[in-house]
N, C-alpha and C. Protein backbone atom coordinates (compact mmCIF):
# COMPACT_ATOMS: atom_id res chain seq x y z
N MET A 1 -32.16 55.60 48.81
CA MET A 1 -33.00 55.18 47.72
C MET A 1 -33.18 53.67 47.81
N SER A 2 -34.38 53.19 47.52
CA SER A 2 -34.65 51.76 47.57
C SER A 2 -35.04 51.25 46.19
N ASP A 3 -34.67 50.01 45.90
CA ASP A 3 -35.02 49.35 44.65
C ASP A 3 -36.32 48.59 44.84
N ILE A 4 -37.14 48.57 43.79
CA ILE A 4 -38.37 47.80 43.79
C ILE A 4 -38.31 46.86 42.60
N PHE A 5 -38.33 45.54 42.86
CA PHE A 5 -38.32 44.56 41.77
C PHE A 5 -39.75 44.36 41.29
N VAL A 6 -39.93 44.31 39.96
CA VAL A 6 -41.25 44.18 39.36
C VAL A 6 -41.24 43.03 38.36
N ASP A 7 -42.24 42.13 38.45
CA ASP A 7 -42.40 41.06 37.47
C ASP A 7 -43.26 41.50 36.30
N GLY A 8 -44.09 42.52 36.50
CA GLY A 8 -44.96 42.94 35.42
C GLY A 8 -45.71 44.21 35.74
N ILE A 9 -46.40 44.71 34.73
CA ILE A 9 -47.26 45.88 34.87
C ILE A 9 -48.69 45.37 34.85
N LYS A 10 -49.44 45.68 35.88
CA LYS A 10 -50.82 45.19 36.00
C LYS A 10 -51.80 46.12 35.28
N ASN A 11 -51.59 47.43 35.41
CA ASN A 11 -52.54 48.37 34.82
C ASN A 11 -51.88 49.74 34.67
N VAL A 12 -52.31 50.47 33.65
CA VAL A 12 -51.89 51.86 33.47
C VAL A 12 -53.17 52.68 33.32
N ALA A 13 -53.31 53.71 34.14
CA ALA A 13 -54.51 54.55 34.09
C ALA A 13 -54.10 56.01 34.09
N VAL A 14 -54.84 56.80 33.34
CA VAL A 14 -54.61 58.24 33.30
C VAL A 14 -55.92 58.92 33.66
N GLN A 15 -55.84 59.80 34.64
CA GLN A 15 -57.00 60.58 35.04
C GLN A 15 -56.55 62.03 35.10
N GLY A 16 -57.05 62.82 34.17
CA GLY A 16 -56.62 64.21 34.09
C GLY A 16 -55.13 64.28 33.79
N PRO A 17 -54.38 65.07 34.55
CA PRO A 17 -52.95 65.22 34.28
C PRO A 17 -52.06 64.18 34.99
N ILE A 18 -52.68 63.19 35.65
CA ILE A 18 -51.93 62.22 36.47
C ILE A 18 -52.03 60.82 35.87
N ALA A 19 -50.88 60.13 35.80
CA ALA A 19 -50.81 58.74 35.34
C ALA A 19 -50.47 57.85 36.52
N ARG A 20 -51.10 56.68 36.55
CA ARG A 20 -50.82 55.69 37.59
C ARG A 20 -50.46 54.38 36.91
N ILE A 21 -49.32 53.80 37.29
CA ILE A 21 -48.87 52.53 36.74
C ILE A 21 -48.77 51.54 37.90
N GLU A 22 -49.59 50.49 37.84
CA GLU A 22 -49.58 49.49 38.90
C GLU A 22 -48.48 48.47 38.62
N LEU A 23 -47.57 48.31 39.59
CA LEU A 23 -46.45 47.39 39.48
C LEU A 23 -46.81 46.11 40.20
N ALA A 24 -46.55 44.97 39.57
CA ALA A 24 -47.00 43.70 40.12
C ALA A 24 -45.85 42.70 40.25
N ASN A 25 -46.05 41.77 41.17
CA ASN A 25 -45.12 40.67 41.38
C ASN A 25 -45.90 39.37 41.39
N PHE A 26 -45.21 38.28 41.00
CA PHE A 26 -45.85 36.97 41.03
C PHE A 26 -46.05 36.52 42.46
N ALA A 27 -47.22 35.98 42.74
CA ALA A 27 -47.50 35.40 44.05
C ALA A 27 -46.90 34.01 44.10
N GLY A 28 -46.24 33.68 45.20
CA GLY A 28 -45.62 32.37 45.34
C GLY A 28 -44.29 32.29 44.64
N THR A 29 -43.60 31.20 44.85
CA THR A 29 -42.27 31.06 44.27
C THR A 29 -42.10 29.78 43.48
N SER A 30 -43.11 28.92 43.45
CA SER A 30 -42.96 27.65 42.74
C SER A 30 -43.85 27.61 41.52
N GLY A 31 -43.54 26.71 40.61
CA GLY A 31 -44.32 26.56 39.39
C GLY A 31 -43.84 27.49 38.30
N SER A 32 -44.44 27.34 37.14
CA SER A 32 -44.06 28.17 36.00
C SER A 32 -44.71 29.55 36.11
N ASP A 33 -44.19 30.51 35.36
CA ASP A 33 -44.74 31.86 35.40
C ASP A 33 -46.21 31.87 34.99
N GLU A 34 -46.59 30.96 34.07
CA GLU A 34 -47.97 30.92 33.62
C GLU A 34 -48.92 30.52 34.76
N ASP A 35 -48.42 29.74 35.72
CA ASP A 35 -49.24 29.28 36.84
C ASP A 35 -49.32 30.29 37.98
N LYS A 36 -48.45 31.27 37.96
CA LYS A 36 -48.42 32.26 39.04
C LYS A 36 -49.39 33.39 38.75
N ILE A 37 -49.82 34.04 39.80
CA ILE A 37 -50.76 35.15 39.67
C ILE A 37 -50.02 36.46 39.96
N LEU A 38 -50.18 37.44 39.06
CA LEU A 38 -49.59 38.76 39.29
C LEU A 38 -50.45 39.52 40.30
N GLN A 39 -49.81 40.00 41.36
CA GLN A 39 -50.49 40.79 42.37
C GLN A 39 -49.87 42.18 42.41
N THR A 40 -50.73 43.20 42.43
CA THR A 40 -50.25 44.57 42.51
C THR A 40 -49.60 44.80 43.87
N LYS A 41 -48.37 45.29 43.86
CA LYS A 41 -47.64 45.53 45.11
C LYS A 41 -47.30 47.01 45.31
N ASN A 42 -47.11 47.72 44.20
CA ASN A 42 -46.74 49.14 44.27
C ASN A 42 -47.39 49.87 43.12
N ARG A 43 -47.40 51.19 43.21
CA ARG A 43 -47.97 52.01 42.14
C ARG A 43 -47.07 53.22 41.92
N LEU A 44 -46.76 53.46 40.66
CA LEU A 44 -46.06 54.69 40.29
C LEU A 44 -47.11 55.74 39.94
N VAL A 45 -46.98 56.92 40.51
CA VAL A 45 -47.90 58.00 40.22
C VAL A 45 -47.06 59.18 39.75
N MET A 46 -47.44 59.72 38.59
CA MET A 46 -46.62 60.79 38.00
C MET A 46 -47.47 61.64 37.07
N PRO A 47 -46.99 62.85 36.77
CA PRO A 47 -47.67 63.65 35.75
C PRO A 47 -47.56 62.95 34.39
N VAL A 48 -48.56 63.17 33.53
CA VAL A 48 -48.54 62.56 32.20
C VAL A 48 -47.27 62.94 31.45
N GLU A 49 -46.78 64.17 31.62
CA GLU A 49 -45.55 64.59 30.94
C GLU A 49 -44.37 63.71 31.34
N THR A 50 -44.31 63.33 32.60
CA THR A 50 -43.25 62.45 33.08
C THR A 50 -43.39 61.06 32.48
N MET A 51 -44.63 60.57 32.36
CA MET A 51 -44.87 59.26 31.75
C MET A 51 -44.40 59.27 30.29
N ILE A 52 -44.61 60.37 29.59
CA ILE A 52 -44.16 60.49 28.20
C ILE A 52 -42.64 60.43 28.15
N ARG A 53 -41.96 61.15 29.05
CA ARG A 53 -40.49 61.11 29.08
C ARG A 53 -39.98 59.72 29.44
N LEU A 54 -40.69 59.03 30.34
CA LEU A 54 -40.33 57.66 30.70
C LEU A 54 -40.41 56.76 29.48
N GLN A 55 -41.49 56.87 28.73
CA GLN A 55 -41.66 56.06 27.52
C GLN A 55 -40.55 56.36 26.51
N GLN A 56 -40.19 57.62 26.34
CA GLN A 56 -39.12 57.99 25.42
C GLN A 56 -37.78 57.40 25.87
N SER A 57 -37.50 57.45 27.16
CA SER A 57 -36.26 56.88 27.69
C SER A 57 -36.22 55.37 27.50
N LEU A 58 -37.33 54.69 27.77
CA LEU A 58 -37.38 53.24 27.61
C LEU A 58 -37.22 52.85 26.14
N THR A 59 -37.82 53.60 25.24
CA THR A 59 -37.69 53.33 23.81
C THR A 59 -36.23 53.47 23.37
N GLN A 60 -35.55 54.49 23.89
CA GLN A 60 -34.14 54.71 23.56
C GLN A 60 -33.29 53.55 24.06
N VAL A 61 -33.51 53.11 25.28
CA VAL A 61 -32.74 51.99 25.85
C VAL A 61 -33.02 50.70 25.07
N MET A 62 -34.29 50.46 24.72
CA MET A 62 -34.64 49.26 23.95
C MET A 62 -33.92 49.27 22.60
N GLY A 63 -33.82 50.43 21.97
CA GLY A 63 -33.10 50.55 20.70
C GLY A 63 -31.62 50.21 20.88
N GLN A 64 -31.02 50.67 21.95
CA GLN A 64 -29.61 50.37 22.22
C GLN A 64 -29.41 48.88 22.47
N LEU A 65 -30.30 48.25 23.22
CA LEU A 65 -30.20 46.81 23.48
C LEU A 65 -30.37 46.02 22.19
N GLU A 66 -31.26 46.47 21.34
CA GLU A 66 -31.47 45.80 20.05
C GLU A 66 -30.24 45.94 19.16
N GLU A 67 -29.65 47.12 19.12
CA GLU A 67 -28.43 47.34 18.32
C GLU A 67 -27.29 46.44 18.78
N LYS A 68 -27.20 46.20 20.08
CA LYS A 68 -26.15 45.34 20.63
C LYS A 68 -26.47 43.86 20.50
N GLY A 69 -27.65 43.54 20.01
CA GLY A 69 -28.04 42.16 19.83
C GLY A 69 -28.49 41.47 21.11
N LEU A 70 -28.76 42.23 22.15
CA LEU A 70 -29.17 41.65 23.42
C LEU A 70 -30.65 41.30 23.45
N ILE A 71 -31.43 41.97 22.60
CA ILE A 71 -32.84 41.64 22.45
C ILE A 71 -33.17 41.59 20.97
N LYS A 72 -34.24 40.89 20.64
CA LYS A 72 -34.70 40.79 19.26
C LYS A 72 -36.16 41.18 19.20
N ARG A 73 -36.52 41.92 18.17
CA ARG A 73 -37.90 42.32 17.97
C ARG A 73 -38.61 41.22 17.17
N ARG A 74 -39.75 40.77 17.69
CA ARG A 74 -40.55 39.75 17.01
C ARG A 74 -41.89 40.36 16.65
N GLU A 75 -42.35 40.10 15.44
CA GLU A 75 -43.66 40.57 15.05
C GLU A 75 -44.60 39.38 14.91
N THR A 76 -45.73 39.46 15.59
CA THR A 76 -46.76 38.44 15.48
C THR A 76 -47.94 39.06 14.75
N ASP A 77 -48.97 38.28 14.53
CA ASP A 77 -50.15 38.79 13.83
C ASP A 77 -50.82 39.93 14.57
N GLN A 78 -50.80 39.88 15.91
CA GLN A 78 -51.56 40.86 16.66
C GLN A 78 -50.71 41.94 17.32
N GLU A 79 -49.47 41.63 17.64
CA GLU A 79 -48.68 42.62 18.36
C GLU A 79 -47.20 42.44 18.10
N GLU A 80 -46.46 43.47 18.37
CA GLU A 80 -45.01 43.43 18.24
C GLU A 80 -44.44 43.20 19.64
N THR A 81 -43.56 42.21 19.78
CA THR A 81 -43.00 41.89 21.08
C THR A 81 -41.49 41.90 21.00
N VAL A 82 -40.85 41.91 22.15
CA VAL A 82 -39.40 41.88 22.23
C VAL A 82 -39.01 40.76 23.16
N SER A 83 -37.99 40.00 22.78
CA SER A 83 -37.52 38.93 23.64
C SER A 83 -36.06 39.14 23.97
N ALA A 84 -35.67 38.74 25.18
CA ALA A 84 -34.28 38.87 25.62
C ALA A 84 -33.45 37.78 24.98
N GLY A 85 -32.24 38.16 24.57
CA GLY A 85 -31.31 37.19 24.02
C GLY A 85 -30.61 36.42 25.11
N GLU A 86 -29.67 35.59 24.73
CA GLU A 86 -28.93 34.76 25.66
C GLU A 86 -28.18 35.59 26.72
N GLY A 87 -27.71 36.79 26.35
CA GLY A 87 -26.87 37.57 27.23
C GLY A 87 -27.62 38.33 28.32
N VAL A 88 -28.94 38.33 28.29
CA VAL A 88 -29.71 39.09 29.26
C VAL A 88 -30.35 38.11 30.22
N LYS A 89 -30.02 38.24 31.48
CA LYS A 89 -30.60 37.37 32.52
C LYS A 89 -31.15 38.27 33.61
N GLY A 90 -32.33 37.94 34.09
CA GLY A 90 -32.94 38.73 35.17
C GLY A 90 -32.41 38.32 36.52
N LYS A 91 -32.42 39.26 37.45
CA LYS A 91 -32.03 39.01 38.84
C LYS A 91 -33.10 39.55 39.74
N HIS A 92 -33.31 38.89 40.84
CA HIS A 92 -34.27 39.38 41.86
C HIS A 92 -33.49 40.05 42.94
């Protein structure tokens, strides 16, 4: 099994019973994240039912992280976002 590191999700598309999620990474290694460009590197392809189970699993994990105080839910005027607390650090 191989790991794929992802900086972001570029696009999610559903056509019939199949969902496609484009996984992206920042181009280059210098500068701030805002200056970098997300480039699609891989794509997850799955049945819509699997995408629904994925979303349910991610929601459950996010709830557990929030309960432990590792992330905080922020509400803005337009969208609800989540930010990582001090204890969560990303690794490449």
